[in-house]
Protein backbone atom coordinates (compact mmCIF):
# COMPACT_ATOMS: atom_id res chain seq x y z
CA MET A 1 -10.60 -9.47 -15.31
CA GLN A 2 -9.58 -13.13 -14.70
CA GLN A 3 -12.69 -14.86 -14.21
CA HIS A 4 -11.20 -18.23 -15.03
CA ILE A 5 -9.16 -18.42 -11.86
CA TRP A 6 -11.84 -17.62 -9.29
CA ASP A 7 -13.61 -21.01 -9.82
CA ALA A 8 -15.58 -23.06 -7.22
CA GLU A 9 -12.41 -24.63 -6.11
CA THR A 10 -10.62 -21.40 -5.36
CA ALA A 11 -13.88 -19.98 -3.71
CA ARG A 12 -14.03 -22.97 -1.49
CA ARG A 13 -10.42 -22.51 -0.25
CA TYR A 14 -10.55 -18.72 -0.28
CA ASP A 15 -11.70 -18.25 3.31
CA THR A 16 -9.42 -18.69 6.31
CA PRO A 17 -11.31 -17.89 9.27
CA GLY A 18 -9.32 -16.17 11.99
CA THR A 19 -5.96 -16.32 9.97
CA GLY A 20 -4.22 -14.66 7.22
CA MET A 21 -6.30 -11.83 5.47
CA PHE A 22 -9.25 -13.08 7.69
CA ALA A 23 -7.47 -12.43 10.76
CA PRO A 24 -9.20 -9.93 13.21
CA GLU A 25 -6.22 -7.76 13.47
CA VAL A 26 -6.64 -7.25 9.65
CA VAL A 27 -10.14 -7.13 9.29
CA GLU A 28 -11.36 -5.21 12.06
CA PRO A 29 -9.22 -2.08 11.41
CA ALA A 30 -10.50 -2.01 7.74
CA VAL A 31 -14.12 -2.29 8.93
CA GLU A 32 -13.56 0.56 11.41
CA TYR A 33 -11.92 2.52 8.95
CA LEU A 34 -14.64 2.02 6.09
CA ALA A 35 -17.51 2.38 8.47
CA ARG A 36 -16.18 5.69 9.67
CA LEU A 37 -16.07 7.18 6.07
CA ALA A 38 -19.48 5.55 5.24
CA GLY A 39 -21.44 7.29 8.09
CA ALA A 40 -24.83 7.11 7.58
CA GLY A 41 -24.48 6.58 3.76
CA ARG A 42 -24.52 3.63 1.67
CA ALA A 43 -21.25 1.72 0.81
CA LEU A 44 -20.25 -0.50 -2.14
CA GLU A 45 -17.60 -2.90 -2.55
CA PHE A 46 -15.94 -3.46 -5.89
CA ALA A 47 -14.77 -7.23 -6.09
CA VAL A 48 -16.80 -8.13 -3.11
CA GLY A 49 -15.58 -11.87 -3.06
CA THR A 50 -16.73 -14.05 -0.31
CA GLY A 51 -17.60 -11.00 1.83
CA ARG A 52 -14.49 -10.90 4.14
CA VAL A 53 -15.01 -7.25 4.53
CA ALA A 54 -18.67 -6.58 3.44
CA VAL A 55 -20.26 -8.98 5.88
CA PRO A 56 -18.78 -7.53 9.09
CA LEU A 57 -19.19 -3.99 7.66
CA ALA A 58 -23.00 -4.85 7.31
CA ALA A 59 -23.06 -6.03 10.62
CA ARG A 60 -21.91 -2.80 11.97
CA GLY A 61 -25.16 -1.19 10.31
CA VAL A 62 -23.75 0.15 7.19
CA ALA A 63 -25.78 -0.64 4.08
CA VAL A 64 -23.48 -2.49 1.81
CA SER A 65 -23.73 -3.59 -1.78
CA GLY A 66 -21.23 -5.33 -3.92
CA ILE A 67 -20.13 -5.99 -7.40
CA GLU A 68 -18.39 -9.39 -8.18
CA LEU A 69 -17.37 -11.04 -11.37
CA SER A 70 -17.21 -14.62 -10.09
CA PRO A 71 -20.44 -16.48 -9.29
CA ALA A 72 -18.74 -19.10 -7.35
CA MET A 73 -17.26 -16.20 -4.94
CA VAL A 74 -20.89 -15.20 -4.55
CA GLU A 75 -22.14 -18.34 -3.69
CA GLN A 76 -19.56 -18.70 -0.88
CA LEU A 77 -20.68 -15.24 0.19
CA ARG A 78 -24.26 -16.52 0.34
CA GLY A 79 -23.36 -18.95 3.19
CA LYS A 80 -22.60 -15.73 5.32
CA ALA A 81 -25.28 -13.28 4.14
CA ASP A 82 -28.35 -13.43 1.85
CA GLU A 83 -29.23 -10.99 -0.94
CA THR A 84 -30.98 -8.70 1.69
CA ALA A 85 -28.01 -8.33 3.85
CA VAL A 86 -25.59 -7.82 1.03
CA PRO A 87 -27.04 -7.33 -2.59
CA VAL A 88 -24.45 -8.26 -5.16
CA VAL A 89 -24.65 -7.36 -9.01
CA LEU A 90 -22.61 -10.24 -11.02
CA GLY A 91 -20.04 -8.42 -13.52
CA ASP A 92 -16.65 -6.67 -13.83
CA MET A 93 -15.92 -3.86 -11.49
CA ALA A 94 -14.77 -1.84 -14.31
CA THR A 95 -18.12 -1.35 -16.04
CA ALA A 96 -20.83 -3.14 -13.85
CA LEU A 97 -23.47 -0.81 -12.55
CA ALA A 98 -25.09 -1.31 -9.06
CA PRO A 99 -28.53 0.47 -8.51
CA GLY A 100 -28.65 3.54 -6.55
CA GLU A 101 -26.05 6.01 -5.23
CA TYR A 102 -23.24 5.62 -2.74
CA THR A 103 -21.30 7.97 -0.37
CA LEU A 104 -18.42 5.28 -0.25
CA VAL A 105 -17.00 2.79 -2.82
CA TYR A 106 -13.99 0.79 -1.89
CA LEU A 107 -11.62 -1.88 -3.37
CA VAL A 108 -9.25 -3.66 -1.05
CA TYR A 109 -6.47 -6.13 -0.90
CA ASN A 110 -4.55 -5.04 -4.21
CA THR A 111 -7.79 -6.31 -6.16
CA ILE A 112 -7.38 -3.23 -8.49
CA SER A 113 -4.36 -4.91 -10.06
CA ASN A 114 -6.38 -7.98 -11.14
CA LEU A 115 -7.33 -5.32 -14.18
CA LEU A 116 -4.39 -6.08 -16.32
CA THR A 117 -4.48 -2.94 -18.37
CA GLN A 118 -4.09 0.62 -17.56
CA ASP A 119 -7.35 1.56 -19.51
CA GLU A 120 -9.27 -1.17 -17.51
CA GLN A 121 -7.85 0.60 -14.04
CA VAL A 122 -8.75 3.97 -15.35
CA ALA A 123 -12.26 2.66 -16.36
CA CYS A 124 -12.48 1.16 -12.57
CA PHE A 125 -12.19 4.77 -11.10
CA ARG A 126 -14.58 6.27 -13.72
CA ASN A 127 -17.09 3.26 -12.58
CA ALA A 128 -16.50 4.35 -8.92
CA ALA A 129 -17.22 8.01 -9.67
CA ARG A 130 -20.35 7.18 -11.65
CA HIS A 131 -21.85 5.32 -8.41
CA LEU A 132 -20.91 8.14 -5.86
CA THR A 133 -22.73 11.42 -4.88
CA PRO A 134 -20.76 14.75 -4.66
CA GLY A 135 -18.42 14.64 -1.96
CA GLY A 136 -18.20 10.71 -1.99
CA ARG A 137 -15.19 8.68 -1.68
CA PHE A 138 -13.46 5.83 -3.30
CA VAL A 139 -10.73 3.93 -1.04
CA VAL A 140 -8.01 1.77 -2.66
CA GLU A 141 -5.75 -0.40 -0.94
CA LEU A 142 -2.70 -1.55 -2.59
CA GLY A 143 0.75 -2.85 -2.43
CA VAL A 144 3.88 -0.85 -3.38
CA PRO A 145 5.75 -2.83 -5.98
CA GLU A 146 8.89 -4.41 -4.43
CA LEU A 147 11.38 -3.47 -7.31
CA ARG A 148 14.05 -2.26 -5.03
CA ALA A 149 13.96 -6.19 -3.56
CA LEU A 150 15.21 -7.52 -6.91
CA PRO A 151 19.03 -7.96 -7.39
CA PRO A 152 20.27 -6.96 -10.92
CA GLY A 153 19.36 -9.77 -13.42
CA ARG A 154 16.86 -11.41 -11.13
CA THR A 155 13.03 -10.93 -11.99
CA ALA A 156 11.52 -12.78 -9.01
CA THR A 157 11.12 -11.91 -5.17
CA VAL A 158 9.77 -13.94 -2.35
CA PHE A 159 7.33 -12.23 -0.40
CA GLN A 160 6.42 -14.61 2.20
CA SER A 161 7.95 -17.93 3.59
CA ASP A 162 6.18 -20.02 6.15
CA ALA A 163 6.01 -23.70 6.94
CA GLY A 164 3.86 -25.18 4.20
CA TYR A 165 3.71 -22.00 2.22
CA ILE A 166 5.97 -19.90 -0.37
CA GLY A 167 4.72 -17.05 -2.02
CA LEU A 168 6.90 -15.06 -4.65
CA ASP A 169 6.12 -12.69 -7.38
CA THR A 170 7.92 -12.66 -10.95
CA TYR A 171 8.01 -9.23 -12.38
CA ASP A 172 7.70 -8.17 -16.10
CA LEU A 173 9.32 -4.88 -15.88
CA LEU A 174 8.82 -3.86 -19.62
CA ASN A 175 4.92 -4.36 -19.52
CA GLN A 176 4.59 -3.49 -15.49
CA ARG A 177 3.00 -6.79 -14.93
CA LEU A 178 3.80 -9.52 -12.05
CA VAL A 179 2.43 -12.91 -11.33
CA SER A 180 1.96 -14.04 -7.96
CA HIS A 181 2.73 -17.81 -7.16
CA HIS A 182 1.43 -19.31 -4.20
CA PHE A 183 3.05 -22.70 -3.46
CA ARG A 184 1.33 -24.91 -0.40
CA PHE A 185 3.09 -28.08 0.47
CA ASP A 186 3.13 -30.59 3.40
CA GLY A 187 5.44 -33.71 4.28
CA THR A 188 4.96 -35.47 1.02
CA ARG A 189 6.50 -34.73 -2.42
CA GLN A 190 3.45 -33.18 -3.68
CA ALA A 191 2.75 -29.24 -3.75
CA GLU A 192 -0.17 -27.16 -4.95
CA LEU A 193 0.25 -24.01 -7.21
CA PHE A 194 -2.16 -21.22 -7.41
CA ARG A 195 -1.16 -18.10 -9.70
CA SER A 196 -2.64 -14.84 -10.44
CA HIS A 197 -1.62 -12.23 -12.57
CA HIS A 198 -1.48 -8.50 -11.98
CA ARG A 199 -0.73 -5.18 -13.35
CA TYR A 200 0.99 -3.11 -10.67
CA ILE A 201 0.59 0.55 -9.79
CA TRP A 202 2.73 3.34 -8.34
CA PRO A 203 0.93 5.54 -6.16
CA ALA A 204 1.56 8.53 -8.49
CA GLU A 205 -0.06 6.61 -11.53
CA LEU A 206 -2.76 5.78 -9.11
CA ASP A 207 -3.38 9.30 -8.22
CA LEU A 208 -3.43 10.29 -11.96
CA MET A 209 -5.98 7.82 -12.79
CA ALA A 210 -8.09 9.13 -10.10
CA ARG A 211 -7.56 12.93 -11.41
CA LEU A 212 -8.96 11.59 -14.76
CA ALA A 213 -11.93 10.30 -13.25
CA GLY A 214 -12.67 13.52 -11.44
CA PHE A 215 -11.47 12.60 -7.94
CA GLU A 216 -9.02 14.45 -5.59
CA LEU A 217 -6.47 12.53 -3.36
CA GLU A 218 -7.79 13.29 0.27
CA CYS A 219 -5.47 11.24 2.29
CA ARG A 220 -3.07 8.47 2.05
CA HIS A 221 -2.09 6.20 4.67
CA ALA A 222 0.34 3.10 5.30
CA ASP A 223 -2.56 0.98 6.53
CA TRP A 224 -5.87 0.90 8.08
CA SER A 225 -4.87 2.18 11.38
CA GLY A 226 -3.83 5.31 9.83
CA ALA A 227 -0.22 5.15 10.16
CA PRO A 228 1.69 7.71 7.99
CA PHE A 229 2.56 6.25 4.45
CA THR A 230 6.51 6.71 3.82
CA SER A 231 9.03 5.49 1.15
CA GLU A 232 9.55 2.36 3.13
CA SER A 233 5.72 1.37 3.46
CA PRO A 234 5.09 -1.84 1.59
CA SER A 235 1.23 -0.80 0.97
CA HIS A 236 -1.19 2.06 1.31
CA VAL A 237 -4.63 2.89 1.67
CA SER A 238 -5.61 5.86 -0.37
CA VAL A 239 -8.74 7.98 -0.19
CA TYR A 240 -9.91 9.74 -3.48
CA ARG A 241 -13.03 12.27 -3.08
CA ILE A 242 -15.25 13.41 -5.65
CA PRO A 243 -15.50 17.35 -4.96
CA PRO A 244 -18.63 18.36 -3.40
CA ALA A 245 -21.36 20.00 -5.31
CA ARG A 246 -21.03 23.93 -5.11
């Protein structure tokens, strides 16, 4: 994991209440979906961050814990929920252990791609399985690589262009890596750049990682509303399940 980029400055700027990934239309369907899967059981969020999903999920009555690599992100989370409401273990989501057992582990908003090797990503699945009771579920939200958008000879694609913001991804096709570049600017000559490195994963590869960890694919949707996943879907929500004990 890339702990150095999730520093205090990034943590302070991460939350955008009411907009972007924090918009109600983005957060509420995810919380509803996860609350339904958790039922009366306990939930564990890998890379819990500042609590974008964990805090409202806990407010729904679900017992939520988290694992988070960045102390700065946890400090930001603590401004919304204390250790009693959302307990957090500091550590890498591929190896850190949270106490107890869970019926649901979840990993949202492309965060599994922050693990930059296939071995680390497989270890993440195995760590999820380690925390789950028989019949428990691991939910992964992940984008589909936009390689079809790359013209011949080009290695970059713009994924968002708004007033004051441009986002683009540069791809390393040989090593299955991408770098997301986030440019923010105003009317001056100055611009701010934030970059994050990722290893992209195709759905079929993700399914194989799950099988190596003892999971079965239960379902895959295009989004948190449950829309069908198709060849045109830009992202997916995949639900993997540990087979129930017999």
